[in-house]
Amino acid sequence: MTISAPSIVTSNHQYSVWTHHSSSLLPLTQLILIINPHLHPYPLTHSTGTTQTVTERRKEAKTKQDMEGKEQDVSLGANKFPERQPIGTAAQSQDDGKDYQEPPPAPLFEPSELTSWSFYRAGIAEFVATFLFLYITILTVMGVNRSPSKCQSVGIQGIAWAFGGMIFALVYCTAGISGGHINPAVTFGLFLARKLSLTRALFYMVMQVLGAICGAGVVKGFEGKTRYGLYKGGANFVAPGYTKGDGLGAEIVGTFILVYTVFSATDAKRSARDSHVPILAPLPIGFAVFLVHLATIPITGTGINPARSLGASIIFNKDLGWDDHWIFWVGPFIGAALAALYHQVVIRAIPFKSK
């Protein structure tokens, strides 16, 4: 006798639960296969003619999901912590056919900042950082100058390490609050690149200068007026044997190196690709300051920071500190402008491929 079997339709295939000429049930594994062919542990051949195991399907799905997640990380990485990356904020984007998408530039004037506590907190951070910077560095310069012999002092190398090391430490401490500028030339370069408003730039510069004056003043209080004046108070001036043009050129090139390093080390386009970059950013900045000091201390004492030069000159207050003082404003501002132009127009014009 023939038993008519009920049918199950799955994926355009019709299966019979029972055989047509037998009353016995199919084995359990075959029944599972009939209900859901994807659960079968062995390769299945479909109408497309391809053979694929469940494990391979899962592996392919996981690989696709991982790739989508990585692309999303690259797309959003630069803007994940915007408050910690105030300098470079360009994110990767493939939606508009570009290699990356620039954020809108900072407005020229931002009156609303004047009512924000974070604005004043950033200014205080710049004041304290510049105060500590001048305190440690000028004290180091004074110690080297009063040493009876080079063997008993840290020498030029020690002075360079003091400047570079303090920048490294202070940028690390203040980058998440104010951006860690600690230098009007850096602030000026970032303003030209439209990374911050004129309101914030001017406020930063004022706080940096005040911090520098206070830092140099504390050193004078420690050393005493006579000894402080004897060792020139760490003021910047063009050394004998060099012309004013030499000093100006040294300041332009030195500041260019510093500001260019700042732009490159904190570029969020790079941060989107290399997650460790924001953490390591203070290191190349401090190292750049160290190297510039090694090269230019014999020429100008190395300014590359108008606040540092002005603070030392005001407290020293001798003709030697004022005769060449214009060099330590004009030079750093020209160098910062050239670095901003080079980075924004030349370097950032090179597309970055995320794939």
C-alpha atoms as a PDB file:
ATOM      1  CA  MET A   1       0.000   0.000   0.000  1.00  0.00           C
ATOM      2  CA  THR A   2       1.304   3.449  -0.862  1.00  0.00           C
ATOM      3  CA  ILE A   3       1.194   6.215   1.780  1.00  0.00           C
ATOM      4  CA  SER A   4       0.781   9.720   0.600  1.00  0.00           C
ATOM      5  CA  ALA A   5       3.329  11.910   2.327  1.00  0.00           C
ATOM      6  CA  PRO A   6       2.896  15.513   3.505  1.00  0.00           C
ATOM      7  CA  SER A   7       5.256  17.977   1.883  1.00  0.00           C
ATOM      8  CA  ILE A   8       7.415  20.854   3.188  1.00  0.00           C
ATOM      9  CA  VAL A   9       8.470  23.625   0.861  1.00  0.00           C
ATOM     10  CA  THR A  10      11.784  25.344   1.702  1.00  0.00           C
ATOM     11  CA  SER A  11      13.838  27.621  -0.563  1.00  0.00           C
ATOM     12  CA  ASN A  12      11.912  26.625  -3.666  1.00  0.00           C
ATOM     13  CA  HIS A  13      12.542  22.915  -2.992  1.00  0.00           C
ATOM     14  CA  GLN A  14       9.808  20.441  -2.075  1.00  0.00           C
ATOM     15  CA  TYR A  15      10.670  17.616   0.302  1.00  0.00           C
ATOM     16  CA  SER A  16       8.600  14.701   1.586  1.00  0.00           C
ATOM     17  CA  VAL A  17       8.730  13.907   5.256  1.00  0.00           C
ATOM     18  CA  TRP A  18       7.959  10.284   4.514  1.00  0.00           C
ATOM     19  CA  THR A  19       9.040   8.140   1.599  1.00  0.00           C
ATOM     20  CA  HIS A  20       6.396   7.417  -0.977  1.00  0.00           C
ATOM     21  CA  HIS A  21       6.638   3.672  -0.714  1.00  0.00           C
ATOM     22  CA  SER A  22       7.392   3.131   2.944  1.00  0.00           C
ATOM     23  CA  SER A  23       5.734   3.925   6.236  1.00  0.00           C
ATOM     24  CA  SER A  24       9.059   4.338   8.061  1.00  0.00           C
ATOM     25  CA  LEU A  25      10.272   7.807   9.098  1.00  0.00           C
ATOM     26  CA  LEU A  26      13.449   9.284   7.708  1.00  0.00           C
ATOM     27  CA  PRO A  27      16.486   9.501  10.015  1.00  0.00           C
ATOM     28  CA  LEU A  28      16.586  12.521  12.333  1.00  0.00           C
ATOM     29  CA  THR A  29      19.580  14.141  10.613  1.00  0.00           C
ATOM     30  CA  GLN A  30      17.856  14.028   7.263  1.00  0.00           C
ATOM     31  CA  LEU A  31      14.707  15.499   8.787  1.00  0.00           C
ATOM     32  CA  ILE A  32      16.768  18.414  10.176  1.00  0.00           C
ATOM     33  CA  LEU A  33      18.332  18.861   6.781  1.00  0.00           C
ATOM     34  CA  ILE A  34      14.907  19.030   5.168  1.00  0.00           C
ATOM     35  CA  ILE A  35      13.686  21.678   7.600  1.00  0.00           C
ATOM     36  CA  ASN A  36      16.876  23.808   7.489  1.00  0.00           C
ATOM     37  CA  PRO A  37      19.598  22.856   5.009  1.00  0.00           C
ATOM     38  CA  HIS A  38      22.000  25.455   6.515  1.00  0.00           C
ATOM     39  CA  LEU A  39      22.389  23.400   9.688  1.00  0.00           C
ATOM     40  CA  HIS A  40      23.952  20.471   7.870  1.00  0.00           C
ATOM     41  CA  PRO A  41      27.583  19.965   9.024  1.00  0.00           C
ATOM     42  CA  TYR A  42      28.725  18.796   5.604  1.00  0.00           C
ATOM     43  CA  PRO A  43      29.003  20.698   2.314  1.00  0.00           C
ATOM     44  CA  LEU A  44      25.711  21.476   0.646  1.00  0.00           C
ATOM     45  CA  THR A  45      25.282  21.886  -3.067  1.00  0.00           C
ATOM     46  CA  HIS A  46      22.745  24.501  -4.078  1.00  0.00           C
ATOM     47  CA  SER A  47      21.269  25.461  -7.353  1.00  0.00           C
ATOM     48  CA  THR A  48      24.103  27.980  -7.889  1.00  0.00           C
ATOM     49  CA  GLY A  49      26.572  25.126  -8.176  1.00  0.00           C
ATOM     50  CA  THR A  50      28.810  26.346  -5.311  1.00  0.00           C
ATOM     51  CA  THR A  51      29.795  24.241  -2.337  1.00  0.00           C
ATOM     52  CA  GLN A  52      30.225  25.915   1.062  1.00  0.00           C
ATOM     53  CA  THR A  53      30.281  24.701   4.653  1.00  0.00           C
ATOM     54  CA  VAL A  54      28.576  26.393   7.572  1.00  0.00           C
ATOM     55  CA  THR A  55      32.000  27.203   9.042  1.00  0.00           C
ATOM     56  CA  GLU A  56      33.062  28.934   5.846  1.00  0.00           C
ATOM     57  CA  ARG A  57      29.818  30.913   5.774  1.00  0.00           C
ATOM     58  CA  ARG A  58      30.343  32.105   9.332  1.00  0.00           C
ATOM     59  CA  LYS A  59      33.979  32.983   8.640  1.00  0.00           C
ATOM     60  CA  GLU A  60      33.010  34.993   5.570  1.00  0.00           C
ATOM     61  CA  ALA A  61      30.301  36.854   7.496  1.00  0.00           C
ATOM     62  CA  LYS A  62      32.707  37.632  10.351  1.00  0.00           C
ATOM     63  CA  THR A  63      35.368  38.903   7.941  1.00  0.00           C
ATOM     64  CA  LYS A  64      32.839  41.191   6.266  1.00  0.00           C
ATOM     65  CA  GLN A  65      31.684  42.502   9.640  1.00  0.00           C
ATOM     66  CA  ASP A  66      35.286  43.176  10.737  1.00  0.00           C
ATOM     67  CA  MET A  67      36.023  45.093   7.547  1.00  0.00           C
ATOM     68  CA  GLU A  68      32.926  47.235   7.984  1.00  0.00           C
ATOM     69  CA  GLY A  69      33.914  47.918  11.591  1.00  0.00           C
ATOM     70  CA  LYS A  70      37.433  48.979  10.592  1.00  0.00           C
ATOM     71  CA  GLU A  71      36.112  51.325   7.932  1.00  0.00           C
ATOM     72  CA  GLN A  72      33.780  52.866  10.488  1.00  0.00           C
ATOM     73  CA  ASP A  73      36.663  53.288  12.960  1.00  0.00           C
ATOM     74  CA  VAL A  74      38.714  55.100  10.328  1.00  0.00           C
ATOM     75  CA  SER A  75      35.755  57.284   9.425  1.00  0.00           C
ATOM     76  CA  LEU A  76      35.002  58.283  12.991  1.00  0.00           C
ATOM     77  CA  GLY A  77      38.441  58.037  14.591  1.00  0.00           C
ATOM     78  CA  ALA A  78      39.471  61.638  14.106  1.00  0.00           C
ATOM     79  CA  ASN A  79      36.328  62.974  15.739  1.00  0.00           C
ATOM     80  CA  LYS A  80      36.111  60.418  18.551  1.00  0.00           C
ATOM     81  CA  PHE A  81      37.796  62.740  21.038  1.00  0.00           C
ATOM     82  CA  PRO A  82      37.512  66.206  19.482  1.00  0.00           C
ATOM     83  CA  GLU A  83      38.320  67.996  22.710  1.00  0.00           C
ATOM     84  CA  ARG A  84      41.658  66.211  22.864  1.00  0.00           C
ATOM     85  CA  GLN A  85      42.544  66.988  19.268  1.00  0.00           C
ATOM     86  CA  PRO A  86      42.049  70.723  18.916  1.00  0.00           C
ATOM     87  CA  ILE A  87      44.693  71.142  16.232  1.00  0.00           C
ATOM     88  CA  GLY A  88      43.870  68.658  13.480  1.00  0.00           C
ATOM     89  CA  THR A  89      40.322  67.435  13.113  1.00  0.00           C
ATOM     90  CA  ALA A  90      40.013  66.057   9.589  1.00  0.00           C
ATOM     91  CA  ALA A  91      38.248  62.693   9.479  1.00  0.00           C
ATOM     92  CA  GLN A  92      38.352  59.999   6.824  1.00  0.00           C
ATOM     93  CA  SER A  93      35.286  59.829   4.617  1.00  0.00           C
ATOM     94  CA  GLN A  94      34.474  57.785   1.545  1.00  0.00           C
ATOM     95  CA  ASP A  95      30.852  58.918   1.272  1.00  0.00           C
ATOM     96  CA  ASP A  96      31.520  61.946  -0.906  1.00  0.00           C
ATOM     97  CA  GLY A  97      34.264  60.379  -2.983  1.00  0.00           C
ATOM     98  CA  LYS A  98      37.031  62.243  -1.145  1.00  0.00           C
ATOM     99  CA  ASP A  99      39.900  60.686   0.742  1.00  0.00           C
ATOM    100  CA  TYR A 100      39.068  62.711   3.829  1.00  0.00           C
ATOM    101  CA  GLN A 101      36.661  65.446   4.806  1.00  0.00           C
ATOM    102  CA  GLU A 102      37.813  68.660   6.409  1.00  0.00           C
ATOM    103  CA  PRO A 103      35.787  70.069   9.302  1.00  0.00           C
ATOM    104  CA  PRO A 104      34.341  73.549   8.992  1.00  0.00           C
ATOM    105  CA  PRO A 105      36.933  76.217   9.839  1.00  0.00           C
ATOM    106  CA  ALA A 106      36.756  77.989  13.163  1.00  0.00           C
ATOM    107  CA  PRO A 107      34.879  81.305  13.010  1.00  0.00           C
ATOM    108  CA  LEU A 108      36.922  84.471  13.083  1.00  0.00           C
ATOM    109  CA  PHE A 109      35.056  85.783  16.124  1.00  0.00           C
ATOM    110  CA  GLU A 110      33.270  83.576  18.627  1.00  0.00           C
ATOM    111  CA  PRO A 111      31.617  85.829  21.261  1.00  0.00           C
ATOM    112  CA  SER A 112      29.839  82.859  22.825  1.00  0.00           C
ATOM    113  CA  GLU A 113      33.207  81.559  24.044  1.00  0.00           C
ATOM    114  CA  LEU A 114      33.412  84.453  26.473  1.00  0.00           C
ATOM    115  CA  THR A 115      30.562  82.959  28.500  1.00  0.00           C
ATOM    116  CA  SER A 116      32.023  79.449  28.595  1.00  0.00           C
ATOM    117  CA  TRP A 117      34.007  78.182  31.579  1.00  0.00           C
ATOM    118  CA  SER A 118      36.040  75.881  29.322  1.00  0.00           C
ATOM    119  CA  PHE A 119      37.339  78.979  27.521  1.00  0.00           C
ATOM    120  CA  TYR A 120      38.757  80.483  30.715  1.00  0.00           C
ATOM    121  CA  ARG A 121      39.952  77.115  31.969  1.00  0.00           C
ATOM    122  CA  ALA A 122      41.987  76.744  28.771  1.00  0.00           C
ATOM    123  CA  GLY A 123      43.490  80.202  29.297  1.00  0.00           C
ATOM    124  CA  ILE A 124      44.443  79.349  32.872  1.00  0.00           C
ATOM    125  CA  ALA A 125      46.079  76.149  31.641  1.00  0.00           C
ATOM    126  CA  GLU A 126      48.149  78.162  29.152  1.00  0.00           C
ATOM    127  CA  PHE A 127      49.170  80.616  31.887  1.00  0.00           C
ATOM    128  CA  VAL A 128      50.288  77.902  34.306  1.00  0.00           C
ATOM    129  CA  ALA A 129      52.087  75.908  31.615  1.00  0.00           C
ATOM    130  CA  THR A 130      54.036  78.938  30.361  1.00  0.00           C
ATOM    131  CA  PHE A 131      54.833  79.951  33.940  1.00  0.00           C
ATOM    132  CA  LEU A 132      56.322  76.522  34.673  1.00  0.00           C
ATOM    133  CA  PHE A 133      58.114  76.504  31.336  1.00  0.00           C
ATOM    134  CA  LEU A 134      59.914  79.789  32.033  1.00  0.00           C
ATOM    135  CA  TYR A 135      60.623  78.870  35.639  1.00  0.00           C
ATOM    136  CA  ILE A 136      62.447  75.621  34.823  1.00  0.00           C
ATOM    137  CA  THR A 137      64.200  76.766  31.660  1.00  0.00           C
ATOM    138  CA  ILE A 138      65.450  80.164  32.878  1.00  0.00           C
ATOM    139  CA  LEU A 139      66.609  78.577  36.120  1.00  0.00           C
ATOM    140  CA  THR A 140      68.570  76.033  34.078  1.00  0.00           C
ATOM    141  CA  VAL A 141      70.138  78.792  31.965  1.00  0.00           C
ATOM    142  CA  MET A 142      71.146  80.695  35.096  1.00  0.00           C
ATOM    143  CA  GLY A 143      72.699  77.578  36.596  1.00  0.00           C
ATOM    144  CA  VAL A 144      74.810  76.947  33.497  1.00  0.00           C
ATOM    145  CA  ASN A 145      75.934  80.589  33.253  1.00  0.00           C
ATOM    146  CA  ARG A 146      77.137  80.795  36.844  1.00  0.00           C
ATOM    147  CA  SER A 147      78.996  77.478  36.726  1.00  0.00           C
ATOM    148  CA  PRO A 148      82.799  78.006  36.942  1.00  0.00           C
ATOM    149  CA  SER A 149      83.521  75.361  34.291  1.00  0.00           C
ATOM    150  CA  LYS A 150      81.691  73.379  31.644  1.00  0.00           C
ATOM    151  CA  CYS A 151      82.496  70.161  33.468  1.00  0.00           C
ATOM    152  CA  GLN A 152      80.447  71.318  36.447  1.00  0.00           C
ATOM    153  CA  SER A 153      77.292  72.180  34.498  1.00  0.00           C
ATOM    154  CA  VAL A 154      74.915  70.542  32.076  1.00  0.00           C
ATOM    155  CA  GLY A 155      76.079  72.863  29.299  1.00  0.00           C
ATOM    156  CA  ILE A 156      74.189  73.680  26.125  1.00  0.00           C
ATOM    157  CA  GLN A 157      72.926  70.112  25.892  1.00  0.00           C
ATOM    158  CA  GLY A 158      71.368  70.402  29.331  1.00  0.00           C
ATOM    159  CA  ILE A 159      69.689  73.696  28.444  1.00  0.00           C
ATOM    160  CA  ALA A 160      68.302  72.164  25.269  1.00  0.00           C
ATOM    161  CA  TRP A 161      66.998  69.163  27.223  1.00  0.00           C
ATOM    162  CA  ALA A 162      65.356  71.482  29.754  1.00  0.00           C
ATOM    163  CA  PHE A 163      63.454  73.334  27.020  1.00  0.00           C
ATOM    164  CA  GLY A 164      62.531  70.221  25.056  1.00  0.00           C
ATOM    165  CA  GLY A 165      61.667  68.154  28.117  1.00  0.00           C
ATOM    166  CA  MET A 166      59.421  70.821  29.586  1.00  0.00           C
ATOM    167  CA  ILE A 167      57.547  71.216  26.303  1.00  0.00           C
ATOM    168  CA  PHE A 168      57.055  67.458  26.152  1.00  0.00           C
ATOM    169  CA  ALA A 169      55.694  67.306  29.712  1.00  0.00           C
ATOM    170  CA  LEU A 170      53.534  70.429  29.498  1.00  0.00           C
ATOM    171  CA  VAL A 171      52.000  69.606  26.119  1.00  0.00           C
ATOM    172  CA  TYR A 172      51.124  66.174  27.468  1.00  0.00           C
ATOM    173  CA  CYS A 173      49.465  67.743  30.522  1.00  0.00           C
ATOM    174  CA  THR A 174      47.520  70.514  28.789  1.00  0.00           C
ATOM    175  CA  ALA A 175      46.677  69.116  25.340  1.00  0.00           C
ATOM    176  CA  GLY A 176      43.251  67.942  26.483  1.00  0.00           C
ATOM    177  CA  ILE A 177      42.425  71.311  28.058  1.00  0.00           C
ATOM    178  CA  SER A 178      43.789  74.052  25.824  1.00  0.00           C
ATOM    179  CA  GLY A 179      45.618  72.215  23.066  1.00  0.00           C
ATOM    180  CA  GLY A 180      48.984  72.700  24.772  1.00  0.00           C
ATOM    181  CA  HIS A 181      50.203  75.686  22.753  1.00  0.00           C
ATOM    182  CA  ILE A 182      52.474  77.367  25.366  1.00  0.00           C
ATOM    183  CA  ASN A 183      53.776  79.585  22.570  1.00  0.00           C
ATOM    184  CA  PRO A 184      52.208  82.567  20.750  1.00  0.00           C
ATOM    185  CA  ALA A 185      53.865  81.432  17.509  1.00  0.00           C
ATOM    186  CA  VAL A 186      52.120  78.053  17.707  1.00  0.00           C
ATOM    187  CA  THR A 187      48.827  79.776  18.473  1.00  0.00           C
ATOM    188  CA  PHE A 188      49.347  82.145  15.537  1.00  0.00           C
ATOM    189  CA  GLY A 189      50.039  79.277  13.142  1.00  0.00           C
ATOM    190  CA  LEU A 190      46.930  77.417  14.240  1.00  0.00           C
ATOM    191  CA  PHE A 191      44.857  80.567  13.906  1.00  0.00           C
ATOM    192  CA  LEU A 192      46.040  81.026  10.319  1.00  0.00           C
ATOM    193  CA  ALA A 193      44.987  77.434   9.641  1.00  0.00           C
ATOM    194  CA  ARG A 194      41.543  78.278  11.085  1.00  0.00           C
ATOM    195  CA  LYS A 195      41.910  75.772  13.903  1.00  0.00           C
ATOM    196  CA  LEU A 196      40.782  78.291  16.515  1.00  0.00           C
ATOM    197  CA  SER A 197      39.012  81.636  16.574  1.00  0.00           C
ATOM    198  CA  LEU A 198      40.685  85.023  16.838  1.00  0.00           C
ATOM    199  CA  THR A 199      39.001  85.460  20.217  1.00  0.00           C
ATOM    200  CA  ARG A 200      40.670  82.357  21.621  1.00  0.00           C
ATOM    201  CA  ALA A 201      43.995  83.063  19.905  1.00  0.00           C
ATOM    202  CA  LEU A 202      44.326  86.532  21.438  1.00  0.00           C
ATOM    203  CA  PHE A 203      43.290  85.260  24.862  1.00  0.00           C
ATOM    204  CA  TYR A 204      45.864  82.474  24.698  1.00  0.00           C
ATOM    205  CA  MET A 205      48.639  84.890  23.732  1.00  0.00           C
ATOM    206  CA  VAL A 206      47.854  87.239  26.605  1.00  0.00           C
ATOM    207  CA  MET A 207      47.835  84.395  29.127  1.00  0.00           C
ATOM    208  CA  GLN A 208      51.072  82.978  27.715  1.00  0.00           C
ATOM    209  CA  VAL A 209      52.862  86.314  28.030  1.00  0.00           C
ATOM    210  CA  LEU A 210      51.599  86.833  31.585  1.00  0.00           C
ATOM    211  CA  GLY A 211      52.710  83.337  32.546  1.00  0.00           C
ATOM    212  CA  ALA A 212      56.160  83.929  31.061  1.00  0.00           C
ATOM    213  CA  ILE A 213      56.603  87.210  32.950  1.00  0.00           C
ATOM    214  CA  CYS A 214      55.619  85.576  36.229  1.00  0.00           C
ATOM    215  CA  GLY A 215      57.888  82.583  35.646  1.00  0.00           C
ATOM    216  CA  ALA A 216      60.932  84.742  34.913  1.00  0.00           C
ATOM    217  CA  GLY A 217      60.066  86.964  37.881  1.00  0.00           C
ATOM    218  CA  VAL A 218      60.102  84.012  40.279  1.00  0.00           C
ATOM    219  CA  VAL A 219      63.552  83.018  39.003  1.00  0.00           C
ATOM    220  CA  LYS A 220      64.821  86.557  39.602  1.00  0.00           C
ATOM    221  CA  GLY A 221      63.444  86.341  43.137  1.00  0.00           C
ATOM    222  CA  PHE A 222      65.450  83.160  43.727  1.00  0.00           C
ATOM    223  CA  GLU A 223      68.673  84.383  42.159  1.00  0.00           C
ATOM    224  CA  GLY A 224      68.620  87.959  43.407  1.00  0.00           C
ATOM    225  CA  LYS A 225      68.757  91.131  41.338  1.00  0.00           C
ATOM    226  CA  THR A 226      72.551  91.327  41.115  1.00  0.00           C
ATOM    227  CA  ARG A 227      73.208  87.750  40.102  1.00  0.00           C
ATOM    228  CA  TYR A 228      70.190  87.709  37.800  1.00  0.00           C
ATOM    229  CA  GLY A 229      71.492  90.763  35.944  1.00  0.00           C
ATOM    230  CA  LEU A 230      75.047  89.418  35.866  1.00  0.00           C
ATOM    231  CA  TYR A 231      73.955  86.313  33.990  1.00  0.00           C
ATOM    232  CA  LYS A 232      71.629  88.270  31.673  1.00  0.00           C
ATOM    233  CA  GLY A 233      68.445  86.701  33.037  1.00  0.00           C
ATOM    234  CA  GLY A 234      68.114  84.196  30.212  1.00  0.00           C
ATOM    235  CA  ALA A 235      67.170  86.973  27.777  1.00  0.00           C
ATOM    236  CA  ASN A 236      67.469  86.416  24.038  1.00  0.00           C
ATOM    237  CA  PHE A 237      69.859  88.500  21.922  1.00  0.00           C
ATOM    238  CA  VAL A 238      71.977  88.011  18.818  1.00  0.00           C
ATOM    239  CA  ALA A 239      75.390  86.714  19.857  1.00  0.00           C
ATOM    240  CA  PRO A 240      78.555  88.611  18.874  1.00  0.00           C
ATOM    241  CA  GLY A 241      79.831  87.554  15.479  1.00  0.00           C
ATOM    242  CA  TYR A 242      76.346  87.172  14.014  1.00  0.00           C
ATOM    243  CA  THR A 243      74.266  89.794  12.226  1.00  0.00           C
ATOM    244  CA  LYS A 244      70.645  90.625  12.858  1.00  0.00           C
ATOM    245  CA  GLY A 245      69.850  88.895   9.586  1.00  0.00           C
ATOM    246  CA  ASP A 246      71.497  85.734  10.900  1.00  0.00           C
ATOM    247  CA  GLY A 247      69.415  85.894  14.032  1.00  0.00           C
ATOM    248  CA  LEU A 248      66.198  86.525  12.118  1.00  0.00           C
ATOM    249  CA  GLY A 249      66.883  83.615   9.783  1.00  0.00           C
ATOM    250  CA  ALA A 250      67.633  81.285  12.696  1.00  0.00           C
ATOM    251  CA  GLU A 251      64.356  82.222  14.378  1.00  0.00           C
ATOM    252  CA  ILE A 252      62.318  81.776  11.190  1.00  0.00           C
ATOM    253  CA  VAL A 253      63.720  78.336  10.412  1.00  0.00           C
ATOM    254  CA  GLY A 254      63.622  77.179  14.032  1.00  0.00           C
ATOM    255  CA  THR A 255      59.981  78.177  14.466  1.00  0.00           C
ATOM    256  CA  PHE A 256      59.082  76.633  11.118  1.00  0.00           C
ATOM    257  CA  ILE A 257      60.465  73.299  12.334  1.00  0.00           C
ATOM    258  CA  LEU A 258      58.526  73.542  15.590  1.00  0.00           C
ATOM    259  CA  VAL A 259      55.155  74.553  14.131  1.00  0.00           C
ATOM    260  CA  TYR A 260      55.433  72.112  11.240  1.00  0.00           C
ATOM    261  CA  THR A 261      56.066  69.341  13.777  1.00  0.00           C
ATOM    262  CA  VAL A 262      53.031  70.466  15.766  1.00  0.00           C
ATOM    263  CA  PHE A 263      50.794  70.261  12.698  1.00  0.00           C
ATOM    264  CA  SER A 264      52.128  66.878  11.645  1.00  0.00           C
ATOM    265  CA  ALA A 265      52.163  65.251  15.082  1.00  0.00           C
ATOM    266  CA  THR A 266      48.603  66.259  15.920  1.00  0.00           C
ATOM    267  CA  ASP A 267      46.983  65.813  12.508  1.00  0.00           C
ATOM    268  CA  ALA A 268      43.698  63.990  13.083  1.00  0.00           C
ATOM    269  CA  LYS A 269      43.894  62.478   9.602  1.00  0.00           C
ATOM    270  CA  ARG A 270      46.893  60.556  10.887  1.00  0.00           C
ATOM    271  CA  SER A 271      45.141  59.916  14.209  1.00  0.00           C
ATOM    272  CA  ALA A 272      42.308  58.186  12.367  1.00  0.00           C
ATOM    273  CA  ARG A 273      44.803  55.767  10.866  1.00  0.00           C
ATOM    274  CA  ASP A 274      47.174  55.339  13.828  1.00  0.00           C
ATOM    275  CA  SER A 275      45.365  55.312  17.163  1.00  0.00           C
ATOM    276  CA  HIS A 276      48.602  55.786  19.111  1.00  0.00           C
ATOM    277  CA  VAL A 277      49.421  59.151  17.519  1.00  0.00           C
ATOM    278  CA  PRO A 278      47.493  61.420  19.970  1.00  0.00           C
ATOM    279  CA  ILE A 279      49.354  59.833  22.893  1.00  0.00           C
ATOM    280  CA  LEU A 280      52.777  60.217  21.276  1.00  0.00           C
ATOM    281  CA  ALA A 281      52.205  63.721  19.874  1.00  0.00           C
ATOM    282  CA  PRO A 282      54.050  65.565  22.711  1.00  0.00           C
ATOM    283  CA  LEU A 283      57.192  63.498  22.081  1.00  0.00           C
ATOM    284  CA  PRO A 284      58.098  64.757  18.579  1.00  0.00           C
ATOM    285  CA  ILE A 285      57.103  68.297  19.563  1.00  0.00           C
ATOM    286  CA  GLY A 286      59.423  68.276  22.562  1.00  0.00           C
ATOM    287  CA  PHE A 287      62.160  66.623  20.530  1.00  0.00           C
ATOM    288  CA  ALA A 288      61.877  69.307  17.844  1.00  0.00           C
ATOM    289  CA  VAL A 289      62.321  72.011  20.496  1.00  0.00           C
ATOM    290  CA  PHE A 290      65.374  70.172  21.836  1.00  0.00           C
ATOM    291  CA  LEU A 291      67.028  69.921  18.412  1.00  0.00           C
ATOM    292  CA  VAL A 292      66.334  73.545  17.491  1.00  0.00           C
ATOM    293  CA  HIS A 293      67.909  74.683  20.758  1.00  0.00           C
ATOM    294  CA  LEU A 294      71.015  72.595  20.125  1.00  0.00           C
ATOM    295  CA  ALA A 295      71.440  74.314  16.768  1.00  0.00           C
ATOM    296  CA  THR A 296      70.586  77.937  17.573  1.00  0.00           C
ATOM    297  CA  ILE A 297      71.561  78.574  21.200  1.00  0.00           C
ATOM    298  CA  PRO A 298      74.984  79.844  20.023  1.00  0.00           C
ATOM    299  CA  ILE A 299      73.276  82.286  17.623  1.00  0.00           C
ATOM    300  CA  THR A 300      70.333  83.842  19.484  1.00  0.00           C
ATOM    301  CA  GLY A 301      69.950  81.811  22.656  1.00  0.00           C
ATOM    302  CA  THR A 302      66.983  80.291  20.800  1.00  0.00           C
ATOM    303  CA  GLY A 303      63.731  82.173  21.063  1.00  0.00           C
ATOM    304  CA  ILE A 304      61.139  80.475  18.780  1.00  0.00           C
ATOM    305  CA  ASN A 305      58.653  81.538  21.463  1.00  0.00           C
ATOM    306  CA  PRO A 306      57.765  85.249  21.718  1.00  0.00           C
ATOM    307  CA  ALA A 307      56.286  84.838  25.202  1.00  0.00           C
ATOM    308  CA  ARG A 308      59.496  83.281  26.495  1.00  0.00           C
ATOM    309  CA  SER A 309      61.583  86.102  24.951  1.00  0.00           C
ATOM    310  CA  LEU A 310      59.313  88.890  26.193  1.00  0.00           C
ATOM    311  CA  GLY A 311      59.018  87.526  29.727  1.00  0.00           C
ATOM    312  CA  ALA A 312      62.785  87.231  30.111  1.00  0.00           C
ATOM    313  CA  SER A 313      63.407  90.685  28.599  1.00  0.00           C
ATOM    314  CA  ILE A 314      60.872  92.431  30.839  1.00  0.00           C
ATOM    315  CA  ILE A 315      62.340  90.964  34.009  1.00  0.00           C
ATOM    316  CA  PHE A 316      65.952  91.460  32.841  1.00  0.00           C
ATOM    317  CA  ASN A 317      65.096  95.001  31.613  1.00  0.00           C
ATOM    318  CA  LYS A 318      68.460  95.932  30.112  1.00  0.00           C
ATOM    319  CA  ASP A 319      69.289  97.367  26.710  1.00  0.00           C
ATOM    320  CA  LEU A 320      70.858  94.072  25.695  1.00  0.00           C
ATOM    321  CA  GLY A 321      67.504  92.361  26.091  1.00  0.00           C
ATOM    322  CA  TRP A 322      65.629  94.984  24.049  1.00  0.00           C
ATOM    323  CA  ASP A 323      68.019  95.843  21.201  1.00  0.00           C
ATOM    324  CA  ASP A 324      67.202  92.755  19.160  1.00  0.00           C
ATOM    325  CA  HIS A 325      63.858  91.946  20.710  1.00  0.00           C
ATOM    326  CA  TRP A 326      61.870  92.543  17.522  1.00  0.00           C
ATOM    327  CA  ILE A 327      63.652  89.572  15.950  1.00  0.00           C
ATOM    328  CA  PHE A 328      62.038  87.243  18.478  1.00  0.00           C
ATOM    329  CA  TRP A 329      58.549  88.307  17.442  1.00  0.00           C
ATOM    330  CA  VAL A 330      58.934  88.816  13.707  1.00  0.00           C
ATOM    331  CA  GLY A 331      60.995  85.655  13.166  1.00  0.00           C
ATOM    332  CA  PRO A 332      58.699  83.212  14.995  1.00  0.00           C
ATOM    333  CA  PHE A 333      55.551  84.674  13.443  1.00  0.00           C
ATOM    334  CA  ILE A 334      56.992  84.403   9.922  1.00  0.00           C
ATOM    335  CA  GLY A 335      58.150  80.849  10.610  1.00  0.00           C
ATOM    336  CA  ALA A 336      54.748  79.867  11.999  1.00  0.00           C
ATOM    337  CA  ALA A 337      52.939  81.370   8.995  1.00  0.00           C
ATOM    338  CA  LEU A 338      55.192  79.510   6.555  1.00  0.00           C
ATOM    339  CA  ALA A 339      54.694  76.230   8.413  1.00  0.00           C
ATOM    340  CA  ALA A 340      50.910  76.646   8.415  1.00  0.00           C
ATOM    341  CA  LEU A 341      50.926  77.466   4.699  1.00  0.00           C
ATOM    342  CA  TYR A 342      53.175  74.525   3.848  1.00  0.00           C
ATOM    343  CA  HIS A 343      51.177  72.024   5.850  1.00  0.00           C
ATOM    344  CA  GLN A 344      47.727  73.152   4.755  1.00  0.00           C
ATOM    345  CA  VAL A 345      48.466  73.744   1.071  1.00  0.00           C
ATOM    346  CA  VAL A 346      51.169  71.193   0.275  1.00  0.00           C
ATOM    347  CA  ILE A 347      51.065  68.361   2.787  1.00  0.00           C
ATOM    348  CA  ARG A 348      47.300  68.161   3.294  1.00  0.00           C
ATOM    349  CA  ALA A 349      46.758  68.308  -0.465  1.00  0.00           C
ATOM    350  CA  ILE A 350      48.202  64.780  -0.771  1.00  0.00           C
ATOM    351  CA  PRO A 351      45.270  62.335  -0.502  1.00  0.00           C
ATOM    352  CA  PHE A 352      45.370  59.603   2.091  1.00  0.00           C
ATOM    353  CA  LYS A 353      44.050  56.227   0.973  1.00  0.00           C
ATOM    354  CA  SER A 354      42.458  54.217   3.757  1.00  0.00           C
ATOM    355  CA  LYS A 355      42.285  51.099   1.610  1.00  0.00           C
END
